Amino acid sequence: MESEYTKALDGPTRRRYDKKITKHIGYDPYTLKKSDFSHVLADLPGVEAIDTTNYLVLQTSYYTASQMKAYKSLEAYNYFVCGWVNDLGSKAALNGCRLVFARVNHSQRSGETPLKTWIVAKQNGEVVTAHCDCMAGLSESCSHVGAVLFAIEAGVKMRETESCTMEKCKWLMQSHVKKCPHSKQEEANLRLCAGDQGFCLINDGDDVKLDRSHAYYYQVQAQLHIVGADYCDFVVWNTNDIFVERILPDAELWDNVIPKVQEFFRHCVLPEVLGQQLTK
């Protein structure tokens, strides 16, 4: 059975794609559902750093050897650490290989449907081929393929921890976290929740407003000052009620926060980026 993706390819490209999946997989990965894949560490192929390097540098020439030495600066690696690799799972392919399939968020358009990326690797970790439905994916190597390889590497490293062997792919960074407390999602009146522990709204006399000490307020102020916006409408919504407050730039808070951010960057972020002072 062919997927809609395959049917949309032009003649030569479609024949090449069909030949690739017939030789290495035996089915079209884009016809599968999430439930068709295994999501436990034990089923991943043993991809290690050398396998990733061999594929991205020697097999496809997507990166140079010098670029791979500084892999933490690569777009592909940052896709992984930023949590853009999701729903990673594996399934048996031909010749004892494993198909690894994942969804990877777009680099510039996070609101769009994630890209679908797959890799075929031998059990020993040797990467055989790969594909992505992005514009560059037809070349069998792109930043999204690299991101999935880095994600597999991370999962394989965790196999030494026995308690994680049969766990689902929890090592993947979480890029989308539901921040609205479940207990507030179905309240008939959000204003009745104002002042509850951990909730973002507080009472201010007869009014309700965003708590100025809540993380959301700092997030809104950062967005306002970084993009130079005049205001931001902060919205809390559930199926029964809606709250809207117009937030203006808070210059006093921003002037107080910036020195702390700069100090954190100099003493924590920069030493780690340059020399792994905190993790080596």
Protein backbone atom coordinates (compact mmCIF):
# COMPACT_ATOMS: atom_id res chain seq x y z
CA MET A 1 0.00 0.00 0.00
CA GLU A 2 1.35 3.42 -0.96
CA SER A 3 1.03 6.50 1.20
CA GLU A 4 -0.31 9.83 -0.01
CA TYR A 5 3.24 11.16 0.35
CA THR A 6 4.59 8.55 -2.08
CA LYS A 7 1.80 9.14 -4.59
CA ALA A 8 2.62 12.85 -4.68
CA LEU A 9 6.28 12.32 -5.66
CA ASP A 10 7.30 12.88 -9.26
CA GLY A 11 8.12 9.87 -11.46
CA PRO A 12 11.91 9.41 -11.00
CA THR A 13 11.80 10.37 -7.33
CA ARG A 14 8.90 8.00 -6.68
CA ARG A 15 10.69 5.09 -8.36
CA ARG A 16 13.81 5.75 -6.30
CA TYR A 17 11.79 5.92 -3.09
CA ASP A 18 9.89 2.71 -3.94
CA LYS A 19 13.18 0.95 -4.67
CA LYS A 20 14.62 2.07 -1.34
CA ILE A 21 11.71 0.92 0.83
CA THR A 22 11.36 -2.34 -1.13
CA LYS A 23 15.01 -3.17 -0.59
CA HIS A 24 15.41 -2.16 3.05
CA ILE A 25 11.96 -2.13 4.71
CA GLY A 26 9.31 -4.06 2.82
CA TYR A 27 6.56 -1.49 3.41
CA ASP A 28 6.01 2.26 3.21
CA PRO A 29 6.66 3.82 6.66
CA TYR A 30 4.27 6.66 5.88
CA THR A 31 1.32 4.25 5.88
CA LEU A 32 1.89 3.28 9.52
CA LYS A 33 0.22 4.58 12.67
CA LYS A 34 1.88 5.47 15.97
CA SER A 35 0.52 2.27 17.51
CA ASP A 36 2.40 0.19 14.91
CA PHE A 37 5.74 1.06 16.51
CA SER A 38 7.51 -0.10 19.66
CA HIS A 39 8.42 2.76 21.98
CA VAL A 40 10.79 0.97 24.37
CA LEU A 41 14.56 1.38 24.54
CA ALA A 42 15.28 -2.32 24.18
CA ASP A 43 14.01 -2.36 20.59
CA LEU A 44 16.16 0.48 19.26
CA PRO A 45 19.11 -0.37 16.99
CA GLY A 46 22.49 0.18 18.66
CA VAL A 47 23.31 3.51 17.01
CA GLU A 48 26.34 5.19 18.60
CA ALA A 49 28.27 8.38 17.86
CA ILE A 50 30.53 6.66 15.34
CA ASP A 51 27.49 5.42 13.40
CA THR A 52 25.95 8.89 13.30
CA THR A 53 29.26 10.36 12.11
CA ASN A 54 29.73 7.68 9.46
CA TYR A 55 26.29 8.34 8.02
CA LEU A 56 26.25 12.14 8.15
CA VAL A 57 29.89 12.62 7.10
CA LEU A 58 31.06 9.62 5.07
CA GLN A 59 27.87 8.22 3.52
CA THR A 60 25.93 11.38 2.73
CA SER A 61 28.50 14.20 3.18
CA TYR A 62 25.82 16.28 4.89
CA TYR A 63 28.37 17.47 7.46
CA THR A 64 32.15 17.70 7.35
CA ALA A 65 34.41 15.98 9.86
CA SER A 66 35.30 19.31 11.45
CA GLN A 67 31.62 20.17 11.86
CA MET A 68 30.94 16.85 13.59
CA LYS A 69 33.76 17.52 16.06
CA ALA A 70 31.74 20.52 17.19
CA TYR A 71 28.47 18.58 17.06
CA LYS A 72 26.86 20.57 19.88
CA SER A 73 26.74 23.59 17.60
CA LEU A 74 24.99 21.68 14.81
CA GLU A 75 21.41 22.50 13.89
CA ALA A 76 20.54 18.80 14.06
CA TYR A 77 21.84 18.42 17.63
CA ASN A 78 20.00 21.51 18.77
CA TYR A 79 16.77 20.21 17.28
CA PHE A 80 17.17 17.21 19.58
CA VAL A 81 18.11 19.08 22.77
CA CYS A 82 15.33 21.63 22.18
CA GLY A 83 12.77 18.84 22.28
CA TRP A 84 11.73 18.88 18.64
CA VAL A 85 11.99 15.09 18.21
CA ASN A 86 8.75 13.42 19.29
CA ASP A 87 6.89 10.09 19.07
CA LEU A 88 10.05 8.13 18.32
CA GLY A 89 9.40 4.43 17.79
CA SER A 90 10.90 1.43 16.03
CA LYS A 91 9.68 -1.53 14.00
CA ALA A 92 11.28 -4.58 12.37
CA ALA A 93 12.48 -4.09 8.79
CA LEU A 94 14.14 -6.43 6.27
CA ASN A 95 17.47 -8.24 6.70
CA GLY A 96 17.40 -7.99 10.48
CA CYS A 97 17.33 -4.18 10.43
CA ARG A 98 15.14 -1.82 12.44
CA LEU A 99 13.08 1.06 11.15
CA VAL A 100 13.07 4.07 13.49
CA PHE A 101 10.33 6.63 12.87
CA ALA A 102 9.86 10.02 14.54
CA ARG A 103 8.14 13.36 14.14
CA VAL A 104 10.35 16.45 14.15
CA ASN A 105 9.09 20.00 14.54
CA HIS A 106 9.81 22.57 11.84
CA SER A 107 12.80 24.82 12.51
CA GLN A 108 10.97 28.09 11.86
CA ARG A 109 7.28 27.17 11.90
CA SER A 110 6.58 25.36 15.16
CA GLY A 111 2.82 25.67 14.67
CA GLU A 112 2.82 23.53 11.53
CA THR A 113 2.40 19.76 11.35
CA PRO A 114 5.68 18.08 12.39
CA LEU A 115 7.84 16.49 9.73
CA LYS A 116 7.95 12.70 9.47
CA THR A 117 11.47 11.28 9.51
CA TRP A 118 12.59 7.66 9.36
CA ILE A 119 15.89 5.80 9.55
CA VAL A 120 16.84 2.19 8.82
CA ALA A 121 19.76 0.79 10.81
CA LYS A 122 21.27 -2.60 11.49
CA GLN A 123 21.04 -4.01 15.00
CA ASN A 124 24.74 -3.16 15.52
CA GLY A 125 23.98 0.51 14.84
CA GLU A 126 25.17 0.89 11.26
CA VAL A 127 22.83 3.32 9.51
CA VAL A 128 21.67 1.97 6.15
CA THR A 129 19.43 4.72 4.82
CA ALA A 130 17.07 7.48 5.92
CA HIS A 131 14.32 9.75 4.66
CA CYS A 132 12.35 12.84 5.66
CA ASP A 133 9.34 14.51 4.10
CA CYS A 134 10.97 17.95 4.31
CA MET A 135 12.25 19.68 1.17
CA ALA A 136 15.78 18.33 1.71
CA GLY A 137 14.72 14.86 2.81
CA LEU A 138 14.94 13.30 -0.65
CA SER A 139 18.73 13.44 -0.37
CA GLU A 140 18.46 10.96 2.54
CA SER A 141 20.11 13.40 4.92
CA CYS A 142 18.95 16.62 6.55
CA SER A 143 18.98 18.26 9.97
CA HIS A 144 15.85 16.34 10.93
CA VAL A 145 17.51 13.00 10.13
CA GLY A 146 20.50 14.11 12.20
CA ALA A 147 18.23 15.06 15.10
CA VAL A 148 16.62 11.61 15.10
CA LEU A 149 20.06 9.95 15.06
CA PHE A 150 21.11 12.00 18.09
CA ALA A 151 17.87 10.98 19.81
CA ILE A 152 18.54 7.29 19.13
CA GLU A 153 22.09 7.71 20.47
CA ALA A 154 20.72 9.15 23.70
CA GLY A 155 18.30 6.26 24.09
CA VAL A 156 21.00 3.66 23.47
CA LYS A 157 23.22 5.26 26.14
CA MET A 158 20.41 4.81 28.65
CA ARG A 159 20.24 1.07 28.11
CA GLU A 160 22.91 0.55 30.75
CA THR A 161 20.36 1.71 33.30
CA GLU A 162 18.36 -1.47 33.82
CA SER A 163 15.26 0.32 35.07
CA CYS A 164 15.03 2.23 31.78
CA THR A 165 15.42 -0.70 29.40
CA MET A 166 11.71 -1.38 28.97
CA GLU A 167 10.57 2.21 29.50
CA LYS A 168 8.99 4.18 26.73
CA CYS A 169 11.15 6.85 25.09
CA LYS A 170 11.20 9.20 28.08
CA TRP A 171 14.69 10.53 27.32
CA LEU A 172 13.25 12.71 24.54
CA MET A 173 13.12 16.33 25.59
CA GLN A 174 9.58 17.57 26.11
CA SER A 175 8.93 20.59 23.91
CA HIS A 176 5.20 20.85 24.58
CA VAL A 177 4.03 20.86 28.21
CA LYS A 178 0.45 21.49 29.23
CA LYS A 179 0.80 24.25 31.80
CA CYS A 180 -2.85 24.73 32.71
CA PRO A 181 -3.53 22.84 35.96
CA HIS A 182 -6.10 20.14 35.27
CA SER A 183 -8.15 21.17 38.28
CA LYS A 184 -8.73 24.58 36.67
CA GLN A 185 -9.62 23.38 33.21
CA GLU A 186 -13.28 22.73 33.91
CA GLU A 187 -14.04 25.32 36.61
CA ALA A 188 -17.28 27.17 35.91
CA ASN A 189 -15.68 30.53 36.83
CA LEU A 190 -11.95 31.15 36.55
CA ARG A 191 -12.25 34.12 38.88
CA LEU A 192 -13.26 31.81 41.71
CA CYS A 193 -9.88 30.10 41.29
CA ALA A 194 -7.91 33.33 41.65
CA GLY A 195 -5.50 33.11 44.56
CA ASP A 196 -5.37 29.31 44.60
CA GLN A 197 -1.88 27.94 45.19
CA GLY A 198 0.07 27.65 41.94
CA PHE A 199 -2.62 29.34 39.82
CA CYS A 200 -1.56 32.30 37.70
CA LEU A 201 -4.47 34.60 38.62
CA ILE A 202 -4.83 36.50 41.89
CA ASN A 203 -7.42 38.80 43.43
CA ASP A 204 -6.67 42.53 43.44
CA GLY A 205 -9.45 44.15 45.38
CA ASP A 206 -12.58 43.70 43.31
CA ASP A 207 -10.55 42.78 40.25
CA VAL A 208 -8.62 39.72 39.11
CA LYS A 209 -5.22 39.93 37.43
CA LEU A 210 -2.16 37.93 36.44
CA ASP A 211 0.08 37.34 39.44
CA ARG A 212 3.11 39.62 38.98
CA SER A 213 5.32 37.04 40.72
CA HIS A 214 4.16 34.16 38.50
CA ALA A 215 6.43 32.70 35.81
CA TYR A 216 3.85 33.62 33.17
CA TYR A 217 4.28 37.32 33.97
CA TYR A 218 8.04 37.07 33.46
CA GLN A 219 7.48 35.18 30.22
CA VAL A 220 5.08 37.83 28.92
CA GLN A 221 7.49 40.64 29.86
CA ALA A 222 10.37 38.89 28.09
CA GLN A 223 8.29 38.56 24.94
CA LEU A 224 7.18 42.19 25.10
CA HIS A 225 10.69 43.58 25.49
CA ILE A 226 12.43 41.23 23.07
CA VAL A 227 10.09 41.99 20.18
CA GLY A 228 9.42 45.60 21.21
CA ALA A 229 5.65 45.16 21.41
CA ASP A 230 3.39 47.79 22.98
CA TYR A 231 1.21 45.29 24.82
CA CYS A 232 0.22 41.63 25.13
CA ASP A 233 -3.25 40.24 25.79
CA PHE A 234 -2.85 37.48 28.40
CA VAL A 235 -5.66 34.93 28.06
CA VAL A 236 -6.77 32.09 30.34
CA TRP A 237 -9.54 29.98 28.82
CA ASN A 238 -11.51 26.86 29.55
CA THR A 239 -14.76 25.45 28.22
CA ASN A 240 -16.83 27.50 30.69
CA ASP A 241 -15.05 30.83 31.09
CA ILE A 242 -12.42 33.17 29.69
CA PHE A 243 -10.16 35.76 31.32
CA VAL A 244 -8.28 38.45 29.38
CA GLU A 245 -5.87 41.07 30.72
CA ARG A 246 -3.87 43.54 28.65
CA ILE A 247 -0.27 43.52 29.91
CA LEU A 248 1.99 46.52 29.25
CA PRO A 249 5.81 46.52 29.31
CA ASP A 250 7.17 46.66 32.87
CA ALA A 251 10.42 48.63 32.51
CA GLU A 252 11.28 48.45 36.20
CA LEU A 253 11.03 44.64 36.28
CA TRP A 254 13.00 44.32 33.03
CA ASP A 255 15.83 46.53 34.32
CA ASN A 256 15.99 44.38 37.44
CA VAL A 257 15.94 41.06 35.57
CA ILE A 258 18.50 41.76 32.83
CA PRO A 259 21.59 41.88 35.14
CA LYS A 260 20.56 38.55 36.67
CA VAL A 261 20.12 36.98 33.25
CA GLN A 262 23.51 38.28 32.11
CA GLU A 263 25.18 36.89 35.23
CA PHE A 264 23.54 33.49 34.72
CA PHE A 265 24.69 33.42 31.09
CA ARG A 266 28.29 34.33 31.96
CA HIS A 267 28.68 31.96 34.90
CA CYS A 268 26.48 29.01 33.84
CA VAL A 269 25.56 28.93 30.16
CA LEU A 270 28.79 30.19 28.58
CA PRO A 271 31.18 27.90 30.56
CA GLU A 272 29.04 24.90 29.63
CA VAL A 273 28.88 25.82 25.94
CA LEU A 274 32.61 26.45 25.68
CA GLY A 275 34.03 23.77 27.94
CA GLN A 276 31.30 21.59 29.47
CA GLN A 277 32.34 22.87 32.89
CA LEU A 278 29.16 21.60 34.55
CA THR A 279 28.62 18.23 32.87
CA LYS A 280 32.02 16.76 32.05
